[in-house]
């Protein structure tokens, strides 16, 4: 397991608690330079192109590319689930 659902628990990557809310902030940030314009698009990008934007304080090479593991429906389902994780 790499991510926790507990608010302040960091395992390998950041906690997923409130990830949908944070994703919305990332796409509005001056530091974000990719093409996503919504939290949903950003979360999909984080799953399928994990090196595009890495949360500050975390390694660039740790997150796997889930396109090699998950099919399109599974990615959509995962994004839908992550969007329920609001602060």
Protein backbone atom coordinates (compact mmCIF):
# COMPACT_ATOMS: atom_id res chain seq x y z
CA UNK A 1 0.00 0.00 0.00
CA UNK A 2 1.36 3.42 -0.96
CA UNK A 3 -1.39 5.87 0.05
CA UNK A 4 -3.41 6.15 3.22
CA UNK A 5 -6.98 7.35 3.62
CA UNK A 6 -6.15 8.82 7.03
CA UNK A 7 -5.83 12.60 7.05
CA UNK A 8 -2.20 13.01 8.10
CA UNK A 9 -0.79 9.55 7.45
CA UNK A 10 1.92 9.48 4.78
CA UNK A 11 3.08 6.07 3.65
CA UNK A 12 5.03 6.34 0.37
CA UNK A 13 2.82 8.94 -1.31
CA UNK A 14 0.54 11.62 0.10
CA UNK A 15 -2.65 10.70 1.93
CA UNK A 16 -5.73 10.39 -0.27
CA UNK A 17 -7.85 12.12 2.38
CA UNK A 18 -9.31 15.16 0.60
CA UNK A 19 -7.52 14.35 -2.67
CA UNK A 20 -10.38 15.66 -4.82
CA UNK A 21 -10.29 19.02 -3.07
CA UNK A 22 -6.50 19.21 -3.37
CA UNK A 23 -6.69 18.23 -7.05
CA UNK A 24 -8.91 21.25 -7.69
CA UNK A 25 -6.36 23.48 -6.00
CA UNK A 26 -3.49 21.99 -8.00
CA UNK A 27 -5.04 22.81 -11.40
CA UNK A 28 -5.53 26.41 -10.27
CA UNK A 29 -1.97 26.68 -8.96
CA UNK A 30 0.74 28.71 -10.71
CA UNK A 31 3.08 25.73 -10.27
CA UNK A 32 0.86 23.40 -12.32
CA UNK A 33 1.87 23.46 -15.99
CA UNK A 34 -0.07 20.61 -17.60
CA UNK A 35 -3.38 20.50 -19.48
CA UNK A 36 -5.94 19.44 -16.87
CA UNK A 37 -8.48 22.11 -16.04
CA UNK A 38 -10.59 20.23 -13.48
CA UNK A 39 -10.02 17.99 -10.50
CA UNK A 40 -11.31 14.98 -12.47
CA UNK A 41 -8.91 15.61 -15.34
CA UNK A 42 -6.01 16.10 -12.94
CA UNK A 43 -6.75 12.85 -11.08
CA UNK A 44 -6.92 10.96 -14.38
CA UNK A 45 -3.60 12.53 -15.38
CA UNK A 46 -2.06 11.56 -12.02
CA UNK A 47 -3.07 7.94 -12.65
CA UNK A 48 -2.13 7.70 -16.33
CA UNK A 49 0.83 10.11 -16.50
CA UNK A 50 2.15 10.22 -12.94
CA UNK A 51 5.34 12.12 -13.70
CA UNK A 52 3.56 15.18 -15.17
CA UNK A 53 3.00 16.71 -11.73
CA UNK A 54 4.38 15.32 -8.49
CA UNK A 55 3.21 16.62 -5.13
CA UNK A 56 5.90 18.72 -3.44
CA UNK A 57 8.11 16.65 -1.18
CA UNK A 58 7.62 13.35 -3.02
CA UNK A 59 9.90 11.51 -5.46
CA UNK A 60 9.29 11.73 -9.21
CA UNK A 61 9.89 8.07 -9.96
CA UNK A 62 7.77 6.33 -7.34
CA UNK A 63 4.25 6.40 -8.82
CA UNK A 64 3.62 3.63 -11.37
CA UNK A 65 1.92 4.23 -14.72
CA UNK A 66 -1.44 2.58 -14.17
CA UNK A 67 -2.22 2.47 -17.93
CA UNK A 68 -0.24 -0.75 -17.98
CA UNK A 69 -2.41 -2.29 -15.25
CA UNK A 70 -5.92 -0.79 -15.41
CA UNK A 71 -8.34 -0.70 -18.32
CA UNK A 72 -10.34 2.41 -19.25
CA UNK A 73 -13.37 1.49 -17.15
CA UNK A 74 -11.22 0.83 -14.09
CA UNK A 75 -9.53 4.21 -14.52
CA UNK A 76 -12.91 5.94 -14.78
CA UNK A 77 -14.13 4.09 -11.69
CA UNK A 78 -10.98 5.01 -9.75
CA UNK A 79 -11.31 8.70 -10.68
CA UNK A 80 -14.99 8.62 -9.68
CA UNK A 81 -14.03 7.13 -6.30
CA UNK A 82 -11.22 9.63 -5.74
CA UNK A 83 -13.66 12.46 -6.49
CA UNK A 84 -15.68 11.39 -3.44
CA UNK A 85 -12.66 12.10 -1.20
CA UNK A 86 -13.36 15.75 -0.38
CA UNK A 87 -12.06 17.75 2.58
